């Protein structure tokens, strides 16, 4: 359930950020709008999944560690 909820929320956020970029910023710079929407959606997905799955089972420090290890390295 946590995975489904995380995907649903993050995909909706991704779509909304992408749409706002297109309507409020510019139609150009496709790479920038994709990177911007993914910068919001990927951590949101990981945050919801980690806390939804492990939040009640493990200490908060462990859940934050899992969350941080799931983020892509820059």
PDB file of N, CA and C in Angstrom:
ATOM      1  N   UNK A   1       0.821  -1.197   0.000  1.00  0.00           N
ATOM      2  CA  UNK A   1       0.000   0.000   0.000  1.00  0.00           C
ATOM      3  C   UNK A   1       0.869   1.266   0.000  1.00  0.00           C
ATOM      4  N   UNK A   2       1.969   1.220   0.769  1.00  0.00           N
ATOM      5  CA  UNK A   2       2.843   2.394   0.825  1.00  0.00           C
ATOM      6  C   UNK A   2       3.442   2.684  -0.545  1.00  0.00           C
ATOM      7  N   UNK A   3       3.787   1.661  -1.274  1.00  0.00           N
ATOM      8  CA  UNK A   3       4.374   1.836  -2.599  1.00  0.00           C
ATOM      9  C   UNK A   3       3.370   2.451  -3.568  1.00  0.00           C
ATOM     10  N   UNK A   4       2.149   1.973  -3.533  1.00  0.00           N
ATOM     11  CA  UNK A   4       1.111   2.501  -4.419  1.00  0.00           C
ATOM     12  C   UNK A   4       0.808   3.951  -4.080  1.00  0.00           C
ATOM     13  N   UNK A   5       0.673   4.251  -2.786  1.00  0.00           N
ATOM     14  CA  UNK A   5       0.415   5.621  -2.368  1.00  0.00           C
ATOM     15  C   UNK A   5       1.566   6.543  -2.753  1.00  0.00           C
ATOM     16  N   UNK A   6       2.789   6.086  -2.537  1.00  0.00           N
ATOM     17  CA  UNK A   6       3.964   6.889  -2.884  1.00  0.00           C
ATOM     18  C   UNK A   6       4.005   7.184  -4.376  1.00  0.00           C
ATOM     19  N   UNK A   7       3.739   6.176  -5.176  1.00  0.00           N
ATOM     20  CA  UNK A   7       3.761   6.384  -6.631  1.00  0.00           C
ATOM     21  C   UNK A   7       2.656   7.333  -7.062  1.00  0.00           C
ATOM     22  N   UNK A   8       1.469   7.154  -6.529  1.00  0.00           N
ATOM     23  CA  UNK A   8       0.344   8.005  -6.895  1.00  0.00           C
ATOM     24  C   UNK A   8       0.622   9.470  -6.555  1.00  0.00           C
ATOM     25  N   UNK A   9       1.046   9.734  -5.342  1.00  0.00           N
ATOM     26  CA  UNK A   9       1.298  11.112  -4.913  1.00  0.00           C
ATOM     27  C   UNK A   9       2.461  11.723  -5.692  1.00  0.00           C
ATOM     28  N   UNK A  10       3.535  10.967  -5.838  1.00  0.00           N
ATOM     29  CA  UNK A  10       4.702  11.533  -6.525  1.00  0.00           C
ATOM     30  C   UNK A  10       4.431  11.776  -8.009  1.00  0.00           C
ATOM     31  N   UNK A  11       3.682  10.909  -8.661  1.00  0.00           N
ATOM     32  CA  UNK A  11       3.351  11.123 -10.067  1.00  0.00           C
ATOM     33  C   UNK A  11       2.428  12.318 -10.253  1.00  0.00           C
ATOM     34  N   UNK A  12       1.492  12.487  -9.328  1.00  0.00           N
ATOM     35  CA  UNK A  12       0.629  13.668  -9.401  1.00  0.00           C
ATOM     36  C   UNK A  12       1.437  14.945  -9.188  1.00  0.00           C
ATOM     37  N   UNK A  13       2.359  14.925  -8.234  1.00  0.00           N
ATOM     38  CA  UNK A  13       3.222  16.087  -7.999  1.00  0.00           C
ATOM     39  C   UNK A  13       4.105  16.348  -9.218  1.00  0.00           C
ATOM     40  N   UNK A  14       4.663  15.292  -9.786  1.00  0.00           N
ATOM     41  CA  UNK A  14       5.505  15.422 -10.974  1.00  0.00           C
ATOM     42  C   UNK A  14       4.739  16.079 -12.111  1.00  0.00           C
ATOM     43  N   UNK A  15       3.532  15.621 -12.349  1.00  0.00           N
ATOM     44  CA  UNK A  15       2.702  16.172 -13.418  1.00  0.00           C
ATOM     45  C   UNK A  15       2.350  17.629 -13.147  1.00  0.00           C
ATOM     46  N   UNK A  16       2.025  17.940 -11.907  1.00  0.00           N
ATOM     47  CA  UNK A  16       1.649  19.310 -11.569  1.00  0.00           C
ATOM     48  C   UNK A  16       2.823  20.278 -11.715  1.00  0.00           C
ATOM     49  N   UNK A  17       3.985  19.894 -11.243  1.00  0.00           N
ATOM     50  CA  UNK A  17       5.170  20.747 -11.363  1.00  0.00           C
ATOM     51  C   UNK A  17       5.528  20.939 -12.838  1.00  0.00           C
ATOM     52  N   UNK A  18       5.479  19.867 -13.603  1.00  0.00           N
ATOM     53  CA  UNK A  18       5.762  19.948 -15.043  1.00  0.00           C
ATOM     54  C   UNK A  18       4.779  20.898 -15.720  1.00  0.00           C
ATOM     55  N   UNK A  19       3.504  20.752 -15.392  1.00  0.00           N
ATOM     56  CA  UNK A  19       2.470  21.607 -15.985  1.00  0.00           C
ATOM     57  C   UNK A  19       2.678  23.073 -15.596  1.00  0.00           C
ATOM     58  N   UNK A  20       2.982  23.335 -14.333  1.00  0.00           N
ATOM     59  CA  UNK A  20       3.238  24.711 -13.899  1.00  0.00           C
ATOM     60  C   UNK A  20       4.432  25.310 -14.629  1.00  0.00           C
ATOM     61  N   UNK A  21       5.461  24.507 -14.838  1.00  0.00           N
ATOM     62  CA  UNK A  21       6.642  24.997 -15.561  1.00  0.00           C
ATOM     63  C   UNK A  21       6.251  25.408 -16.986  1.00  0.00           C
ATOM     64  N   UNK A  22       5.478  24.564 -17.653  1.00  0.00           N
ATOM     65  CA  UNK A  22       5.080  24.832 -19.039  1.00  0.00           C
ATOM     66  C   UNK A  22       4.179  26.061 -19.117  1.00  0.00           C
ATOM     67  N   UNK A  23       3.239  26.195 -18.190  1.00  0.00           N
ATOM     68  CA  UNK A  23       2.277  27.295 -18.281  1.00  0.00           C
ATOM     69  C   UNK A  23       2.788  28.601 -17.689  1.00  0.00           C
ATOM     70  N   UNK A  24       3.686  28.539 -16.724  1.00  0.00           N
ATOM     71  CA  UNK A  24       4.121  29.768 -16.050  1.00  0.00           C
ATOM     72  C   UNK A  24       5.541  30.213 -16.411  1.00  0.00           C
ATOM     73  N   UNK A  25       6.381  29.291 -16.846  1.00  0.00           N
ATOM     74  CA  UNK A  25       7.774  29.648 -17.107  1.00  0.00           C
ATOM     75  C   UNK A  25       8.012  29.747 -18.605  1.00  0.00           C
ATOM     76  N   UNK A  26       8.033  28.610 -19.279  1.00  0.00           N
ATOM     77  CA  UNK A  26       8.283  28.626 -20.721  1.00  0.00           C
ATOM     78  C   UNK A  26       7.964  27.269 -21.327  1.00  0.00           C
ATOM     79  N   UNK A  27       7.687  27.281 -22.615  1.00  0.00           N
ATOM     80  CA  UNK A  27       7.516  26.027 -23.340  1.00  0.00           C
ATOM     81  C   UNK A  27       8.868  25.460 -23.747  1.00  0.00           C
ATOM     82  N   UNK A  28       9.877  26.307 -23.744  1.00  0.00           N
ATOM     83  CA  UNK A  28      11.227  25.871 -24.095  1.00  0.00           C
ATOM     84  C   UNK A  28      11.872  25.228 -22.881  1.00  0.00           C
ATOM     85  N   UNK A  29      13.086  24.834 -23.017  1.00  0.00           N
ATOM     86  CA  UNK A  29      13.886  24.255 -21.928  1.00  0.00           C
ATOM     87  C   UNK A  29      13.244  22.982 -21.371  1.00  0.00           C
ATOM     88  N   UNK A  30      13.001  22.028 -22.258  1.00  0.00           N
ATOM     89  CA  UNK A  30      12.363  20.781 -21.841  1.00  0.00           C
ATOM     90  C   UNK A  30      13.186  20.061 -20.785  1.00  0.00           C
ATOM     91  N   UNK A  31      14.485  20.027 -20.929  1.00  0.00           N
ATOM     92  CA  UNK A  31      15.323  19.350 -19.947  1.00  0.00           C
ATOM     93  C   UNK A  31      15.167  19.979 -18.565  1.00  0.00           C
ATOM     94  N   UNK A  32      15.084  21.285 -18.508  1.00  0.00           N
ATOM     95  CA  UNK A  32      14.930  21.983 -17.234  1.00  0.00           C
ATOM     96  C   UNK A  32      13.608  21.632 -16.563  1.00  0.00           C
ATOM     97  N   UNK A  33      12.539  21.565 -17.338  1.00  0.00           N
ATOM     98  CA  UNK A  33      11.246  21.240 -16.710  1.00  0.00           C
ATOM     99  C   UNK A  33      11.191  19.795 -16.264  1.00  0.00           C
ATOM    100  N   UNK A  34      11.811  18.895 -16.991  1.00  0.00           N
ATOM    101  CA  UNK A  34      11.858  17.492 -16.573  1.00  0.00           C
ATOM    102  C   UNK A  34      12.687  17.352 -15.301  1.00  0.00           C
ATOM    103  N   UNK A  35      13.840  17.992 -15.272  1.00  0.00           N
ATOM    104  CA  UNK A  35      14.693  17.931 -14.077  1.00  0.00           C
ATOM    105  C   UNK A  35      14.012  18.563 -12.867  1.00  0.00           C
ATOM    106  N   UNK A  36      13.306  19.653 -13.080  1.00  0.00           N
ATOM    107  CA  UNK A  36      12.609  20.315 -11.982  1.00  0.00           C
ATOM    108  C   UNK A  36      11.503  19.434 -11.416  1.00  0.00           C
ATOM    109  N   UNK A  37      10.691  18.864 -12.279  1.00  0.00           N
ATOM    110  CA  UNK A  37       9.595  18.019 -11.791  1.00  0.00           C
ATOM    111  C   UNK A  37      10.119  16.755 -11.121  1.00  0.00           C
ATOM    112  N   UNK A  38      11.193  16.184 -11.654  1.00  0.00           N
ATOM    113  CA  UNK A  38      11.775  14.995 -11.028  1.00  0.00           C
ATOM    114  C   UNK A  38      12.456  15.313  -9.704  1.00  0.00           C
ATOM    115  N   UNK A  39      12.988  16.517  -9.574  1.00  0.00           N
ATOM    116  CA  UNK A  39      13.621  16.931  -8.323  1.00  0.00           C
ATOM    117  C   UNK A  39      12.605  16.957  -7.183  1.00  0.00           C
ATOM    118  N   UNK A  40      11.375  17.202  -7.502  1.00  0.00           N
ATOM    119  CA  UNK A  40      10.305  17.183  -6.500  1.00  0.00           C
ATOM    120  C   UNK A  40       9.767  15.764  -6.318  1.00  0.00           C
ATOM    121  N   UNK A  41       9.494  15.081  -7.414  1.00  0.00           N
ATOM    122  CA  UNK A  41       8.789  13.801  -7.361  1.00  0.00           C
ATOM    123  C   UNK A  41       9.610  12.656  -6.775  1.00  0.00           C
ATOM    124  N   UNK A  42      10.880  12.573  -7.102  1.00  0.00           N
ATOM    125  CA  UNK A  42      11.687  11.430  -6.643  1.00  0.00           C
ATOM    126  C   UNK A  42      11.852  11.422  -5.127  1.00  0.00           C
ATOM    127  N   UNK A  43      12.251  12.529  -4.501  1.00  0.00           N
ATOM    128  CA  UNK A  43      12.340  12.498  -3.037  1.00  0.00           C
ATOM    129  C   UNK A  43      10.980  12.300  -2.359  1.00  0.00           C
ATOM    130  N   UNK A  44       9.931  12.860  -2.945  1.00  0.00           N
ATOM    131  CA  UNK A  44       8.598  12.687  -2.381  1.00  0.00           C
ATOM    132  C   UNK A  44       8.183  11.221  -2.392  1.00  0.00           C
ATOM    133  N   UNK A  45       8.444  10.538  -3.488  1.00  0.00           N
ATOM    134  CA  UNK A  45       8.159   9.114  -3.597  1.00  0.00           C
ATOM    135  C   UNK A  45       8.905   8.328  -2.526  1.00  0.00           C
ATOM    136  N   UNK A  46      10.175   8.599  -2.389  1.00  0.00           N
ATOM    137  CA  UNK A  46      10.990   7.887  -1.410  1.00  0.00           C
ATOM    138  C   UNK A  46      10.548   8.192   0.013  1.00  0.00           C
ATOM    139  N   UNK A  47      10.225   9.447   0.282  1.00  0.00           N
ATOM    140  CA  UNK A  47       9.798   9.847   1.621  1.00  0.00           C
ATOM    141  C   UNK A  47       8.508   9.134   2.030  1.00  0.00           C
ATOM    142  N   UNK A  48       7.524   9.145   1.165  1.00  0.00           N
ATOM    143  CA  UNK A  48       6.247   8.499   1.473  1.00  0.00           C
ATOM    144  C   UNK A  48       6.425   6.995   1.609  1.00  0.00           C
ATOM    145  N   UNK A  49       7.195   6.398   0.717  1.00  0.00           N
ATOM    146  CA  UNK A  49       7.400   4.950   0.791  1.00  0.00           C
ATOM    147  C   UNK A  49       8.118   4.545   2.076  1.00  0.00           C
ATOM    148  N   UNK A  50       9.218   5.221   2.384  1.00  0.00           N
ATOM    149  CA  UNK A  50      10.005   4.849   3.569  1.00  0.00           C
ATOM    150  C   UNK A  50       9.205   4.996   4.856  1.00  0.00           C
ATOM    151  N   UNK A  51       8.531   6.123   5.010  1.00  0.00           N
ATOM    152  CA  UNK A  51       7.767   6.324   6.241  1.00  0.00           C
ATOM    153  C   UNK A  51       6.520   5.461   6.270  1.00  0.00           C
ATOM    154  N   UNK A  52       5.897   5.238   5.132  1.00  0.00           N
ATOM    155  CA  UNK A  52       4.715   4.380   5.098  1.00  0.00           C
ATOM    156  C   UNK A  52       5.033   2.921   5.368  1.00  0.00           C
ATOM    157  N   UNK A  53       6.210   2.482   4.960  1.00  0.00           N
ATOM    158  CA  UNK A  53       6.605   1.086   5.129  1.00  0.00           C
ATOM    159  C   UNK A  53       7.278   0.830   6.466  1.00  0.00           C
ATOM    160  N   UNK A  54       8.219   1.689   6.834  1.00  0.00           N
ATOM    161  CA  UNK A  54       9.055   1.426   7.996  1.00  0.00           C
ATOM    162  C   UNK A  54       8.793   2.344   9.187  1.00  0.00           C
ATOM    163  N   UNK A  55       7.933   3.341   9.023  1.00  0.00           N
ATOM    164  CA  UNK A  55       7.733   4.360  10.043  1.00  0.00           C
ATOM    165  C   UNK A  55       7.371   3.843  11.423  1.00  0.00           C
ATOM    166  N   UNK A  56       6.548   2.830  11.485  1.00  0.00           N
ATOM    167  CA  UNK A  56       6.129   2.297  12.785  1.00  0.00           C
ATOM    168  C   UNK A  56       6.964   1.103  13.221  1.00  0.00           C
ATOM    169  N   UNK A  57       7.815   0.612  12.360  1.00  0.00           N
ATOM    170  CA  UNK A  57       8.592  -0.587  12.664  1.00  0.00           C
ATOM    171  C   UNK A  57      10.004  -0.299  13.137  1.00  0.00           C
ATOM    172  N   UNK A  58      10.558   0.839  12.740  1.00  0.00           N
ATOM    173  CA  UNK A  58      11.960   1.142  13.019  1.00  0.00           C
ATOM    174  C   UNK A  58      12.089   2.520  13.637  1.00  0.00           C
ATOM    175  N   UNK A  59      13.211   2.759  14.304  1.00  0.00           N
ATOM    176  CA  UNK A  59      13.453   4.101  14.853  1.00  0.00           C
ATOM    177  C   UNK A  59      13.532   5.143  13.740  1.00  0.00           C
ATOM    178  N   UNK A  60      13.194   6.376  14.077  1.00  0.00           N
ATOM    179  CA  UNK A  60      13.172   7.463  13.092  1.00  0.00           C
ATOM    180  C   UNK A  60      14.524   7.634  12.404  1.00  0.00           C
ATOM    181  N   UNK A  61      15.608   7.508  13.142  1.00  0.00           N
ATOM    182  CA  UNK A  61      16.938   7.672  12.549  1.00  0.00           C
ATOM    183  C   UNK A  61      17.185   6.623  11.466  1.00  0.00           C
ATOM    184  N   UNK A  62      16.709   5.432  11.676  1.00  0.00           N
ATOM    185  CA  UNK A  62      16.875   4.362  10.688  1.00  0.00           C
ATOM    186  C   UNK A  62      16.038   4.649   9.442  1.00  0.00           C
ATOM    187  N   UNK A  63      14.810   5.123   9.646  1.00  0.00           N
ATOM    188  CA  UNK A  63      13.945   5.434   8.505  1.00  0.00           C
ATOM    189  C   UNK A  63      14.540   6.584   7.690  1.00  0.00           C
ATOM    190  N   UNK A  64      15.073   7.608   8.358  1.00  0.00           N
ATOM    191  CA  UNK A  64      15.721   8.703   7.636  1.00  0.00           C
ATOM    192  C   UNK A  64      16.936   8.191   6.874  1.00  0.00           C
ATOM    193  N   UNK A  65      17.661   7.253   7.461  1.00  0.00           N
ATOM    194  CA  UNK A  65      18.819   6.674   6.783  1.00  0.00           C
ATOM    195  C   UNK A  65      18.397   5.926   5.518  1.00  0.00           C
ATOM    196  N   UNK A  66      17.322   5.178   5.608  1.00  0.00           N
ATOM    197  CA  UNK A  66      16.797   4.461   4.442  1.00  0.00           C
ATOM    198  C   UNK A  66      16.363   5.464   3.374  1.00  0.00           C
ATOM    199  N   UNK A  67      15.672   6.510   3.798  1.00  0.00           N
ATOM    200  CA  UNK A  67      15.227   7.549   2.866  1.00  0.00           C
ATOM    201  C   UNK A  67      16.410   8.167   2.129  1.00  0.00           C
ATOM    202  N   UNK A  68      17.417   8.575   2.872  1.00  0.00           N
ATOM    203  CA  UNK A  68      18.583   9.226   2.265  1.00  0.00           C
ATOM    204  C   UNK A  68      19.359   8.287   1.341  1.00  0.00           C
ATOM    205  N   UNK A  69      19.403   7.009   1.690  1.00  0.00           N
ATOM    206  CA  UNK A  69      20.138   6.063   0.828  1.00  0.00           C
ATOM    207  C   UNK A  69      19.370   5.761  -0.465  1.00  0.00           C
ATOM    208  N   UNK A  70      18.078   6.022  -0.488  1.00  0.00           N
ATOM    209  CA  UNK A  70      17.282   5.806  -1.698  1.00  0.00           C
ATOM    210  C   UNK A  70      17.362   6.955  -2.691  1.00  0.00           C
ATOM    211  N   UNK A  71      17.833   8.111  -2.245  1.00  0.00           N
ATOM    212  CA  UNK A  71      17.919   9.250  -3.163  1.00  0.00           C
ATOM    213  C   UNK A  71      19.086   9.046  -4.119  1.00  0.00           C
ATOM    214  N   UNK A  72      18.903   9.444  -5.365  1.00  0.00           N
ATOM    215  CA  UNK A  72      20.004   9.283  -6.328  1.00  0.00           C
ATOM    216  C   UNK A  72      21.176  10.198  -5.966  1.00  0.00           C
ATOM    217  N   UNK A  73      22.352   9.694  -6.195  1.00  0.00           N
ATOM    218  CA  UNK A  73      23.554  10.497  -5.937  1.00  0.00           C
ATOM    219  C   UNK A  73      23.725  11.530  -7.044  1.00  0.00           C
ATOM    220  N   UNK A  74      24.188  12.670  -6.674  1.00  0.00           N
ATOM    221  CA  UNK A  74      24.392  13.737  -7.665  1.00  0.00           C
ATOM    222  C   UNK A  74      25.842  13.761  -8.084  1.00  0.00           C
TER     223      UNK A  74
END
